[in-house]
Amino acid sequence: MNIEYLLIVIAIMSAATFATRLPPFVLFSSREQHPLLQFIAKYTPPMVMSVLVIYMLKSVDHLSAQGLYAAIALAVTIAVHLWRRNALMSIVAGTATFMACVQKIFFT
């Protein structure tokens, strides 16, 4: 591959990303309290958390070490969410805990 091809691909991808991100700002810029935006702001974090929990638990063997790691990570996620009420912080804390357990940081 040559550099011109890569630059063209990057330019097309950038234009497509910009074209898909711009319309919501243009359409909803004059209406701060639009019902659709209120719905999205209210229900997106719980939906994301639910999907992540279901995805994590769907293939876990609950009687293995991975099941223990998943339970610990889930407990940390719940605790951080109850403590800080911040979905992003909860997700990051739970993911970091699970990855630390899998990498045997806590159980060496």
PDB file of N, CA and C in Angstrom:
ATOM      1  N   MET A   1       0.839  -1.189   0.000  1.00  0.00           N
ATOM      2  CA  MET A   1       0.000   0.000   0.000  1.00  0.00           C
ATOM      3  C   MET A   1       0.876   1.241   0.000  1.00  0.00           C
ATOM      4  N   ASN A   2       0.453   2.208  -0.760  1.00  0.00           N
ATOM      5  CA  ASN A   2       1.217   3.445  -0.775  1.00  0.00           C
ATOM      6  C   ASN A   2       0.549   4.486   0.123  1.00  0.00           C
ATOM      7  N   ILE A   3       1.270   5.554   0.374  1.00  0.00           N
ATOM      8  CA  ILE A   3       0.820   6.577   1.302  1.00  0.00           C
ATOM      9  C   ILE A   3      -0.401   7.331   0.786  1.00  0.00           C
ATOM     10  N   GLU A   4      -0.500   7.521  -0.522  1.00  0.00           N
ATOM     11  CA  GLU A   4      -1.656   8.234  -1.074  1.00  0.00           C
ATOM     12  C   GLU A   4      -2.954   7.462  -0.826  1.00  0.00           C
ATOM     13  N   TYR A   5      -2.895   6.157  -1.009  1.00  0.00           N
ATOM     14  CA  TYR A   5      -4.069   5.315  -0.769  1.00  0.00           C
ATOM     15  C   TYR A   5      -4.508   5.426   0.684  1.00  0.00           C
ATOM     16  N   LEU A   6      -3.550   5.341   1.604  1.00  0.00           N
ATOM     17  CA  LEU A   6      -3.878   5.435   3.027  1.00  0.00           C
ATOM     18  C   LEU A   6      -4.460   6.799   3.381  1.00  0.00           C
ATOM     19  N   LEU A   7      -3.920   7.855   2.812  1.00  0.00           N
ATOM     20  CA  LEU A   7      -4.456   9.185   3.081  1.00  0.00           C
ATOM     21  C   LEU A   7      -5.871   9.350   2.544  1.00  0.00           C
ATOM     22  N   ILE A   8      -6.145   8.779   1.384  1.00  0.00           N
ATOM     23  CA  ILE A   8      -7.501   8.837   0.821  1.00  0.00           C
ATOM     24  C   ILE A   8      -8.470   8.059   1.713  1.00  0.00           C
ATOM     25  N   VAL A   9      -8.072   6.889   2.169  1.00  0.00           N
ATOM     26  CA  VAL A   9      -8.933   6.091   3.055  1.00  0.00           C
ATOM     27  C   VAL A   9      -9.196   6.841   4.351  1.00  0.00           C
ATOM     28  N   ILE A  10      -8.166   7.434   4.937  1.00  0.00           N
ATOM     29  CA  ILE A  10      -8.343   8.207   6.169  1.00  0.00           C
ATOM     30  C   ILE A  10      -9.266   9.393   5.938  1.00  0.00           C
ATOM     31  N   ALA A  11      -9.129  10.080   4.813  1.00  0.00           N
ATOM     32  CA  ALA A  11      -9.987  11.229   4.505  1.00  0.00           C
ATOM     33  C   ALA A  11     -11.444  10.804   4.345  1.00  0.00           C
ATOM     34  N   ILE A  12     -11.678   9.689   3.666  1.00  0.00           N
ATOM     35  CA  ILE A  12     -13.051   9.196   3.485  1.00  0.00           C
ATOM     36  C   ILE A  12     -13.650   8.779   4.820  1.00  0.00           C
ATOM     37  N   MET A  13     -12.873   8.084   5.633  1.00  0.00           N
ATOM     38  CA  MET A  13     -13.371   7.666   6.949  1.00  0.00           C
ATOM     39  C   MET A  13     -13.664   8.884   7.826  1.00  0.00           C
ATOM     40  N   SER A  14     -12.814   9.886   7.767  1.00  0.00           N
ATOM     41  CA  SER A  14     -13.031  11.113   8.546  1.00  0.00           C
ATOM     42  C   SER A  14     -14.295  11.831   8.093  1.00  0.00           C
ATOM     43  N   ALA A  15     -14.484  11.928   6.785  1.00  0.00           N
ATOM     44  CA  ALA A  15     -15.680  12.590   6.251  1.00  0.00           C
ATOM     45  C   ALA A  15     -16.946  11.829   6.639  1.00  0.00           C
ATOM     46  N   ALA A  16     -16.896  10.501   6.577  1.00  0.00           N
ATOM     47  CA  ALA A  16     -18.069   9.704   6.957  1.00  0.00           C
ATOM     48  C   ALA A  16     -18.378   9.859   8.446  1.00  0.00           C
ATOM     49  N   THR A  17     -17.348   9.863   9.261  1.00  0.00           N
ATOM     50  CA  THR A  17     -17.558  10.052  10.703  1.00  0.00           C
ATOM     51  C   THR A  17     -18.144  11.427  10.981  1.00  0.00           C
ATOM     52  N   PHE A  18     -17.592  12.449  10.367  1.00  0.00           N
ATOM     53  CA  PHE A  18     -18.091  13.810  10.546  1.00  0.00           C
ATOM     54  C   PHE A  18     -19.540  13.923  10.072  1.00  0.00           C
ATOM     55  N   ALA A  19     -19.855  13.302   8.945  1.00  0.00           N
ATOM     56  CA  ALA A  19     -21.212  13.368   8.394  1.00  0.00           C
ATOM     57  C   ALA A  19     -22.227  12.668   9.286  1.00  0.00           C
ATOM     58  N   THR A  20     -21.822  11.641   9.994  1.00  0.00           N
ATOM     59  CA  THR A  20     -22.768  10.954  10.876  1.00  0.00           C
ATOM     60  C   THR A  20     -22.855  11.606  12.249  1.00  0.00           C
ATOM     61  N   ARG A  21     -21.849  12.373  12.646  1.00  0.00           N
ATOM     62  CA  ARG A  21     -21.867  13.024  13.960  1.00  0.00           C
ATOM     63  C   ARG A  21     -22.520  14.408  13.925  1.00  0.00           C
ATOM     64  N   LEU A  22     -22.479  15.069  12.811  1.00  0.00           N
ATOM     65  CA  LEU A  22     -22.978  16.437  12.698  1.00  0.00           C
ATOM     66  C   LEU A  22     -24.504  16.579  12.785  1.00  0.00           C
ATOM     67  N   PRO A  23     -25.303  15.734  12.130  1.00  0.00           N
ATOM     68  CA  PRO A  23     -26.758  15.966  12.120  1.00  0.00           C
ATOM     69  C   PRO A  23     -27.426  16.100  13.492  1.00  0.00           C
ATOM     70  N   PRO A  24     -27.097  15.304  14.502  1.00  0.00           N
ATOM     71  CA  PRO A  24     -27.758  15.528  15.793  1.00  0.00           C
ATOM     72  C   PRO A  24     -27.505  16.918  16.369  1.00  0.00           C
ATOM     73  N   PHE A  25     -26.302  17.432  16.199  1.00  0.00           N
ATOM     74  CA  PHE A  25     -26.012  18.766  16.715  1.00  0.00           C
ATOM     75  C   PHE A  25     -26.777  19.835  15.948  1.00  0.00           C
ATOM     76  N   VAL A  26     -26.912  19.665  14.653  1.00  0.00           N
ATOM     77  CA  VAL A  26     -27.642  20.636  13.845  1.00  0.00           C
ATOM     78  C   VAL A  26     -29.141  20.550  14.128  1.00  0.00           C
ATOM     79  N   LEU A  27     -29.676  19.334  14.208  1.00  0.00           N
ATOM     80  CA  LEU A  27     -31.113  19.152  14.402  1.00  0.00           C
ATOM     81  C   LEU A  27     -31.582  19.575  15.789  1.00  0.00           C
ATOM     82  N   PHE A  28     -30.757  19.334  16.810  1.00  0.00           N
ATOM     83  CA  PHE A  28     -31.199  19.576  18.178  1.00  0.00           C
ATOM     84  C   PHE A  28     -30.538  20.785  18.827  1.00  0.00           C
ATOM     85  N   SER A  29     -29.838  21.603  18.070  1.00  0.00           N
ATOM     86  CA  SER A  29     -29.124  22.732  18.666  1.00  0.00           C
ATOM     87  C   SER A  29     -30.065  23.792  19.234  1.00  0.00           C
ATOM     88  N   SER A  30     -31.216  23.987  18.622  1.00  0.00           N
ATOM     89  CA  SER A  30     -32.125  25.034  19.092  1.00  0.00           C
ATOM     90  C   SER A  30     -33.078  24.538  20.174  1.00  0.00           C
ATOM     91  N   ARG A  31     -33.144  23.247  20.398  1.00  0.00           N
ATOM     92  CA  ARG A  31     -34.081  22.682  21.385  1.00  0.00           C
ATOM     93  C   ARG A  31     -33.294  21.962  22.482  1.00  0.00           C
ATOM     94  N   GLU A  32     -33.013  22.675  23.570  1.00  0.00           N
ATOM     95  CA  GLU A  32     -32.245  22.059  24.648  1.00  0.00           C
ATOM     96  C   GLU A  32     -33.045  20.996  25.391  1.00  0.00           C
ATOM     97  N   GLN A  33     -34.313  21.167  25.535  1.00  0.00           N
ATOM     98  CA  GLN A  33     -35.138  20.254  26.322  1.00  0.00           C
ATOM     99  C   GLN A  33     -35.981  19.335  25.440  1.00  0.00           C
ATOM    100  N   HIS A  34     -35.412  18.862  24.371  1.00  0.00           N
ATOM    101  CA  HIS A  34     -36.130  17.970  23.471  1.00  0.00           C
ATOM    102  C   HIS A  34     -36.391  16.639  24.182  1.00  0.00           C
ATOM    103  N   PRO A  35     -37.612  16.092  24.102  1.00  0.00           N
ATOM    104  CA  PRO A  35     -37.939  14.846  24.816  1.00  0.00           C
ATOM    105  C   PRO A  35     -37.058  13.661  24.428  1.00  0.00           C
ATOM    106  N   LEU A  36     -36.678  13.579  23.163  1.00  0.00           N
ATOM    107  CA  LEU A  36     -35.816  12.478  22.734  1.00  0.00           C
ATOM    108  C   LEU A  36     -34.462  12.541  23.427  1.00  0.00           C
ATOM    109  N   LEU A  37     -33.895  13.733  23.530  1.00  0.00           N
ATOM    110  CA  LEU A  37     -32.610  13.889  24.203  1.00  0.00           C
ATOM    111  C   LEU A  37     -32.717  13.588  25.689  1.00  0.00           C
ATOM    112  N   GLN A  38     -33.803  13.985  26.313  1.00  0.00           N
ATOM    113  CA  GLN A  38     -34.009  13.674  27.732  1.00  0.00           C
ATOM    114  C   GLN A  38     -34.120  12.167  27.943  1.00  0.00           C
ATOM    115  N   PHE A  39     -34.831  11.490  27.056  1.00  0.00           N
ATOM    116  CA  PHE A  39     -34.959  10.041  27.145  1.00  0.00           C
ATOM    117  C   PHE A  39     -33.604   9.361  27.000  1.00  0.00           C
ATOM    118  N   ILE A  40     -32.843   9.783  26.004  1.00  0.00           N
ATOM    119  CA  ILE A  40     -31.524   9.190  25.764  1.00  0.00           C
ATOM    120  C   ILE A  40     -30.606   9.437  26.959  1.00  0.00           C
ATOM    121  N   ALA A  41     -30.599  10.651  27.480  1.00  0.00           N
ATOM    122  CA  ALA A  41     -29.731  10.981  28.608  1.00  0.00           C
ATOM    123  C   ALA A  41     -30.109  10.195  29.862  1.00  0.00           C
ATOM    124  N   LYS A  42     -31.390   9.936  30.027  1.00  0.00           N
ATOM    125  CA  LYS A  42     -31.839   9.248  31.235  1.00  0.00           C
ATOM    126  C   LYS A  42     -31.628   7.739  31.170  1.00  0.00           C
ATOM    127  N   TYR A  43     -31.870   7.131  30.018  1.00  0.00           N
ATOM    128  CA  TYR A  43     -31.898   5.665  29.949  1.00  0.00           C
ATOM    129  C   TYR A  43     -30.681   5.004  29.303  1.00  0.00           C
ATOM    130  N   THR A  44     -29.798   5.768  28.680  1.00  0.00           N
ATOM    131  CA  THR A  44     -28.641   5.143  28.047  1.00  0.00           C
ATOM    132  C   THR A  44     -27.669   4.522  29.048  1.00  0.00           C
ATOM    133  N   PRO A  45     -27.267   5.205  30.114  1.00  0.00           N
ATOM    134  CA  PRO A  45     -26.325   4.563  31.051  1.00  0.00           C
ATOM    135  C   PRO A  45     -26.829   3.249  31.646  1.00  0.00           C
ATOM    136  N   PRO A  46     -28.090   3.154  32.114  1.00  0.00           N
ATOM    137  CA  PRO A  46     -28.537   1.855  32.619  1.00  0.00           C
ATOM    138  C   PRO A  46     -28.590   0.775  31.534  1.00  0.00           C
ATOM    139  N   MET A  47     -28.926   1.161  30.306  1.00  0.00           N
ATOM    140  CA  MET A  47     -28.957   0.177  29.225  1.00  0.00           C
ATOM    141  C   MET A  47     -27.556  -0.335  28.918  1.00  0.00           C
ATOM    142  N   VAL A  48     -26.584   0.557  28.888  1.00  0.00           N
ATOM    143  CA  VAL A  48     -25.210   0.148  28.620  1.00  0.00           C
ATOM    144  C   VAL A  48     -24.714  -0.775  29.730  1.00  0.00           C
ATOM    145  N   MET A  49     -24.983  -0.415  30.967  1.00  0.00           N
ATOM    146  CA  MET A  49     -24.564  -1.254  32.097  1.00  0.00           C
ATOM    147  C   MET A  49     -25.215  -2.629  32.005  1.00  0.00           C
ATOM    148  N   SER A  50     -26.497  -2.682  31.688  1.00  0.00           N
ATOM    149  CA  SER A  50     -27.198  -3.971  31.593  1.00  0.00           C
ATOM    150  C   SER A  50     -26.622  -4.843  30.488  1.00  0.00           C
ATOM    151  N   VAL A  51     -26.366  -4.251  29.334  1.00  0.00           N
ATOM    152  CA  VAL A  51     -25.796  -5.020  28.224  1.00  0.00           C
ATOM    153  C   VAL A  51     -24.420  -5.555  28.601  1.00  0.00           C
ATOM    154  N   LEU A  52     -23.601  -4.732  29.251  1.00  0.00           N
ATOM    155  CA  LEU A  52     -22.268  -5.185  29.648  1.00  0.00           C
ATOM    156  C   LEU A  52     -22.326  -6.315  30.669  1.00  0.00           C
ATOM    157  N   VAL A  53     -23.235  -6.226  31.619  1.00  0.00           N
ATOM    158  CA  VAL A  53     -23.364  -7.289  32.629  1.00  0.00           C
ATOM    159  C   VAL A  53     -23.846  -8.584  31.981  1.00  0.00           C
ATOM    160  N   ILE A  54     -24.846  -8.495  31.143  1.00  0.00           N
ATOM    161  CA  ILE A  54     -25.358  -9.699  30.473  1.00  0.00           C
ATOM    162  C   ILE A  54     -24.286 -10.316  29.583  1.00  0.00           C
ATOM    163  N   TYR A  55     -23.559  -9.482  28.846  1.00  0.00           N
ATOM    164  CA  TYR A  55     -22.507  -9.988  27.974  1.00  0.00           C
ATOM    165  C   TYR A  55     -21.410 -10.667  28.787  1.00  0.00           C
ATOM    166  N   MET A  56     -21.077 -10.066  29.927  1.00  0.00           N
ATOM    167  CA  MET A  56     -20.026 -10.641  30.754  1.00  0.00           C
ATOM    168  C   MET A  56     -20.454 -11.984  31.347  1.00  0.00           C
ATOM    169  N   LEU A  57     -21.678 -12.080  31.800  1.00  0.00           N
ATOM    170  CA  LEU A  57     -22.124 -13.268  32.523  1.00  0.00           C
ATOM    171  C   LEU A  57     -22.620 -14.402  31.621  1.00  0.00           C
ATOM    172  N   LYS A  58     -22.829 -14.144  30.340  1.00  0.00           N
ATOM    173  CA  LYS A  58     -23.448 -15.155  29.481  1.00  0.00           C
ATOM    174  C   LYS A  58     -22.571 -16.380  29.245  1.00  0.00           C
ATOM    175  N   SER A  59     -21.268 -16.210  29.244  1.00  0.00           N
ATOM    176  CA  SER A  59     -20.412 -17.348  28.924  1.00  0.00           C
ATOM    177  C   SER A  59     -19.464 -17.717  30.069  1.00  0.00           C
ATOM    178  N   VAL A  60     -19.793 -17.285  31.269  1.00  0.00           N
ATOM    179  CA  VAL A  60     -18.922 -17.564  32.408  1.00  0.00           C
ATOM    180  C   VAL A  60     -19.292 -18.909  33.020  1.00  0.00           C
ATOM    181  N   ASP A  61     -18.271 -19.721  33.257  1.00  0.00           N
ATOM    182  CA  ASP A  61     -18.460 -20.954  34.031  1.00  0.00           C
ATOM    183  C   ASP A  61     -18.401 -20.549  35.494  1.00  0.00           C
ATOM    184  N   HIS A  62     -19.543 -20.525  36.139  1.00  0.00           N
ATOM    185  CA  HIS A  62     -19.656 -19.969  37.481  1.00  0.00           C
ATOM    186  C   HIS A  62     -18.935 -20.794  38.543  1.00  0.00           C
ATOM    187  N   LEU A  63     -18.522 -21.996  38.228  1.00  0.00           N
ATOM    188  CA  LEU A  63     -17.825 -22.838  39.193  1.00  0.00           C
ATOM    189  C   LEU A  63     -16.314 -22.850  38.968  1.00  0.00           C
ATOM    190  N   SER A  64     -15.815 -21.940  38.150  1.00  0.00           N
ATOM    191  CA  SER A  64     -14.389 -21.885  37.862  1.00  0.00           C
ATOM    192  C   SER A  64     -13.792 -20.613  38.460  1.00  0.00           C
ATOM    193  N   ALA A  65     -12.488 -20.454  38.258  1.00  0.00           N
ATOM    194  CA  ALA A  65     -11.825 -19.232  38.716  1.00  0.00           C
ATOM    195  C   ALA A  65     -12.375 -18.020  37.974  1.00  0.00           C
ATOM    196  N   GLN A  66     -12.706 -18.203  36.699  1.00  0.00           N
ATOM    197  CA  GLN A  66     -13.275 -17.096  35.932  1.00  0.00           C
ATOM    198  C   GLN A  66     -14.603 -16.644  36.534  1.00  0.00           C
ATOM    199  N   GLY A  67     -15.384 -17.577  37.041  1.00  0.00           N
ATOM    200  CA  GLY A  67     -16.631 -17.222  37.695  1.00  0.00           C
ATOM    201  C   GLY A  67     -16.387 -16.405  38.957  1.00  0.00           C
ATOM    202  N   LEU A  68     -15.359 -16.777  39.706  1.00  0.00           N
ATOM    203  CA  LEU A  68     -14.991 -16.003  40.895  1.00  0.00           C
ATOM    204  C   LEU A  68     -14.549 -14.602  40.494  1.00  0.00           C
ATOM    205  N   TYR A  69     -13.725 -14.507  39.457  1.00  0.00           N
ATOM    206  CA  TYR A  69     -13.263 -13.198  38.989  1.00  0.00           C
ATOM    207  C   TYR A  69     -14.445 -12.340  38.527  1.00  0.00           C
ATOM    208  N   ALA A  70     -15.374 -12.951  37.820  1.00  0.00           N
ATOM    209  CA  ALA A  70     -16.551 -12.211  37.359  1.00  0.00           C
ATOM    210  C   ALA A  70     -17.389 -11.728  38.535  1.00  0.00           C
ATOM    211  N   ALA A  71     -17.533 -12.565  39.554  1.00  0.00           N
ATOM    212  CA  ALA A  71     -18.304 -12.171  40.742  1.00  0.00           C
ATOM    213  C   ALA A  71     -17.622 -11.015  41.470  1.00  0.00           C
ATOM    214  N   ILE A  72     -16.304 -11.083  41.596  1.00  0.00           N
ATOM    215  CA  ILE A  72     -15.567  -9.998  42.249  1.00  0.00           C
ATOM    216  C   ILE A  72     -15.710  -8.702  41.451  1.00  0.00           C
ATOM    217  N   ALA A  73     -15.542  -8.792  40.136  1.00  0.00           N
ATOM    218  CA  ALA A  73     -15.656  -7.604  39.280  1.00  0.00           C
ATOM    219  C   ALA A  73     -17.069  -7.028  39.325  1.00  0.00           C
ATOM    220  N   LEU A  74     -18.068  -7.890  39.343  1.00  0.00           N
ATOM    221  CA  LEU A  74     -19.448  -7.428  39.422  1.00  0.00           C
ATOM    222  C   LEU A  74     -19.703  -6.728  40.756  1.00  0.00           C
ATOM    223  N   ALA A  75     -19.180  -7.289  41.844  1.00  0.00           N
ATOM    224  CA  ALA A  75     -19.332  -6.661  43.160  1.00  0.00           C
ATOM    225  C   ALA A  75     -18.653  -5.295  43.202  1.00  0.00           C
ATOM    226  N   VAL A  76     -17.469  -5.192  42.610  1.00  0.00           N
ATOM    227  CA  VAL A  76     -16.769  -3.906  42.562  1.00  0.00           C
ATOM    228  C   VAL A  76     -17.559  -2.906  41.726  1.00  0.00           C
ATOM    229  N   THR A  77     -18.087  -3.350  40.599  1.00  0.00           N
ATOM    230  CA  THR A  77     -18.879  -2.466  39.738  1.00  0.00           C
ATOM    231  C   THR A  77     -20.096  -1.931  40.487  1.00  0.00           C
ATOM    232  N   ILE A  78     -20.795  -2.815  41.161  1.00  0.00           N
ATOM    233  CA  ILE A  78     -21.989  -2.399  41.918  1.00  0.00           C
ATOM    234  C   ILE A  78     -21.609  -1.452  43.041  1.00  0.00           C
ATOM    235  N   ALA A  79     -20.544  -1.781  43.769  1.00  0.00           N
ATOM    236  CA  ALA A  79     -20.120  -0.940  44.895  1.00  0.00           C
ATOM    237  C   ALA A  79     -19.715   0.459  44.431  1.00  0.00           C
ATOM    238  N   VAL A  80     -18.938   0.522  43.362  1.00  0.00           N
ATOM    239  CA  VAL A  80     -18.509   1.831  42.859  1.00  0.00           C
ATOM    240  C   VAL A  80     -19.699   2.616  42.343  1.00  0.00           C
ATOM    241  N   HIS A  81     -20.635   1.923  41.689  1.00  0.00           N
ATOM    242  CA  HIS A  81     -21.810   2.639  41.181  1.00  0.00           C
ATOM    243  C   HIS A  81     -22.682   3.162  42.323  1.00  0.00           C
ATOM    244  N   LEU A  82     -22.869   2.376  43.360  1.00  0.00           N
ATOM    245  CA  LEU A  82     -23.656   2.851  44.503  1.00  0.00           C
ATOM    246  C   LEU A  82     -22.942   3.983  45.234  1.00  0.00           C
ATOM    247  N   TRP A  83     -21.620   3.930  45.247  1.00  0.00           N
ATOM    248  CA  TRP A  83     -20.828   4.942  45.945  1.00  0.00           C
ATOM    249  C   TRP A  83     -20.785   6.259  45.184  1.00  0.00           C
ATOM    250  N   ARG A  84     -20.491   6.203  43.857  1.00  0.00           N
ATOM    251  CA  ARG A  84     -20.260   7.421  43.086  1.00  0.00           C
ATOM    252  C   ARG A  84     -21.396   7.799  42.129  1.00  0.00           C
ATOM    253  N   ARG A  85     -22.284   6.868  41.828  1.00  0.00           N
ATOM    254  CA  ARG A  85     -23.379   7.121  40.874  1.00  0.00           C
ATOM    255  C   ARG A  85     -22.847   7.617  39.525  1.00  0.00           C
ATOM    256  N   ASN A  86     -21.783   6.983  39.072  1.00  0.00           N
ATOM    257  CA  ASN A  86     -21.149   7.367  37.814  1.00  0.00           C
ATOM    258  C   ASN A  86     -20.955   6.097  36.999  1.00  0.00           C
ATOM    259  N   ALA A  87     -21.700   5.981  35.916  1.00  0.00           N
ATOM    260  CA  ALA A  87     -21.675   4.750  35.118  1.00  0.00           C
ATOM    261  C   ALA A  87     -20.298   4.481  34.525  1.00  0.00           C
ATOM    262  N   LEU A  88     -19.649   5.504  34.000  1.00  0.00           N
ATOM    263  CA  LEU A  88     -18.339   5.302  33.385  1.00  0.00           C
ATOM    264  C   LEU A  88     -17.313   4.836  34.414  1.00  0.00           C
ATOM    265  N   MET A  89     -17.326   5.449  35.587  1.00  0.00           N
ATOM    266  CA  MET A  89     -16.394   5.050  36.629  1.00  0.00           C
ATOM    267  C   MET A  89     -16.662   3.614  37.075  1.00  0.00           C
ATOM    268  N   SER A  90     -17.919   3.237  37.157  1.00  0.00           N
ATOM    269  CA  SER A  90     -18.281   1.876  37.546  1.00  0.00           C
ATOM    270  C   SER A  90     -17.790   0.861  36.529  1.00  0.00           C
ATOM    271  N   ILE A  91     -17.989   1.164  35.254  1.00  0.00           N
ATOM    272  CA  ILE A  91     -17.561   0.262  34.187  1.00  0.00           C
ATOM    273  C   ILE A  91     -16.047   0.103  34.202  1.00  0.00           C
ATOM    274  N   VAL A  92     -15.336   1.206  34.332  1.00  0.00           N
ATOM    275  CA  VAL A  92     -13.875   1.156  34.341  1.00  0.00           C
ATOM    276  C   VAL A  92     -13.371   0.380  35.555  1.00  0.00           C
ATOM    277  N   ALA A  93     -13.955   0.619  36.722  1.00  0.00           N
ATOM    278  CA  ALA A  93     -13.515  -0.086  37.931  1.00  0.00           C
ATOM    279  C   ALA A  93     -13.761  -1.588  37.818  1.00  0.00           C
ATOM    280  N   GLY A  94     -14.930  -1.979  37.333  1.00  0.00           N
ATOM    281  CA  GLY A  94     -15.236  -3.396  37.181  1.00  0.00           C
ATOM    282  C   GLY A  94     -14.352  -4.070  36.149  1.00  0.00           C
ATOM    283  N   THR A  95     -14.127  -3.395  35.033  1.00  0.00           N
ATOM    284  CA  THR A  95     -13.271  -3.956  33.988  1.00  0.00           C
ATOM    285  C   THR A  95     -11.842  -4.091  34.482  1.00  0.00           C
ATOM    286  N   ALA A  96     -11.344  -3.066  35.142  1.00  0.00           N
ATOM    287  CA  ALA A  96      -9.973  -3.119  35.668  1.00  0.00           C
ATOM    288  C   ALA A  96      -9.832  -4.225  36.709  1.00  0.00           C
ATOM    289  N   THR A  97     -10.829  -4.401  37.554  1.00  0.00           N
ATOM    290  CA  THR A  97     -10.785  -5.460  38.557  1.00  0.00           C
ATOM    291  C   THR A  97     -10.766  -6.829  37.894  1.00  0.00           C
ATOM    292  N   PHE A  98     -11.634  -7.036  36.902  1.00  0.00           N
ATOM    293  CA  PHE A  98     -11.677  -8.325  36.220  1.00  0.00           C
ATOM    294  C   PHE A  98     -10.353  -8.613  35.522  1.00  0.00           C
ATOM    295  N   MET A  99      -9.817  -7.612  34.829  1.00  0.00           N
ATOM    296  CA  MET A  99      -8.551  -7.820  34.122  1.00  0.00           C
ATOM    297  C   MET A  99      -7.406  -8.067  35.100  1.00  0.00           C
ATOM    298  N   ALA A 100      -7.422  -7.398  36.251  1.00  0.00           N
ATOM    299  CA  ALA A 100      -6.388  -7.640  37.253  1.00  0.00           C
ATOM    300  C   ALA A 100      -6.499  -9.054  37.798  1.00  0.00           C
ATOM    301  N   CYS A 101      -7.716  -9.527  37.998  1.00  0.00           N
ATOM    302  CA  CYS A 101      -7.907 -10.906  38.469  1.00  0.00           C
ATOM    303  C   CYS A 101      -7.441 -11.910  37.412  1.00  0.00           C
ATOM    304  N   VAL A 102      -7.808 -11.673  36.179  1.00  0.00           N
ATOM    305  CA  VAL A 102      -7.422 -12.597  35.103  1.00  0.00           C
ATOM    306  C   VAL A 102      -5.899 -12.634  34.956  1.00  0.00           C
ATOM    307  N   GLN A 103      -5.265 -11.497  35.116  1.00  0.00           N
ATOM    308  CA  GLN A 103      -3.804 -11.447  34.999  1.00  0.00           C
ATOM    309  C   GLN A 103      -3.107 -11.912  36.278  1.00  0.00           C
ATOM    310  N   LYS A 104      -3.903 -12.381  37.232  1.00  0.00           N
ATOM    311  CA  LYS A 104      -3.395 -12.936  38.496  1.00  0.00           C
ATOM    312  C   LYS A 104      -2.654 -11.905  39.348  1.00  0.00           C
ATOM    313  N   ILE A 105      -3.066 -10.648  39.265  1.00  0.00           N
ATOM    314  CA  ILE A 105      -2.439  -9.619  40.088  1.00  0.00           C
ATOM    315  C   ILE A 105      -2.813  -9.827  41.552  1.00  0.00           C
ATOM    316  N   PHE A 106      -4.076 -10.171  41.807  1.00  0.00           N
ATOM    317  CA  PHE A 106      -4.525 -10.337  43.191  1.00  0.00           C
ATOM    318  C   PHE A 106      -4.228 -11.731  43.729  1.00  0.00           C
ATOM    319  N   PHE A 107      -4.119 -12.721  42.875  1.00  0.00           N
ATOM    320  CA  PHE A 107      -4.008 -14.110  43.323  1.00  0.00           C
ATOM    321  C   PHE A 107      -2.697 -14.733  42.874  1.00  0.00           C
ATOM    322  N   THR A 108      -1.587 -14.157  43.299  1.00  0.00           N
ATOM    323  CA  THR A 108      -0.287 -14.713  42.892  1.00  0.00           C
ATOM    324  C   THR A 108       0.291 -15.615  43.957  1.00  0.00           C
TER     325      THR A 108
END
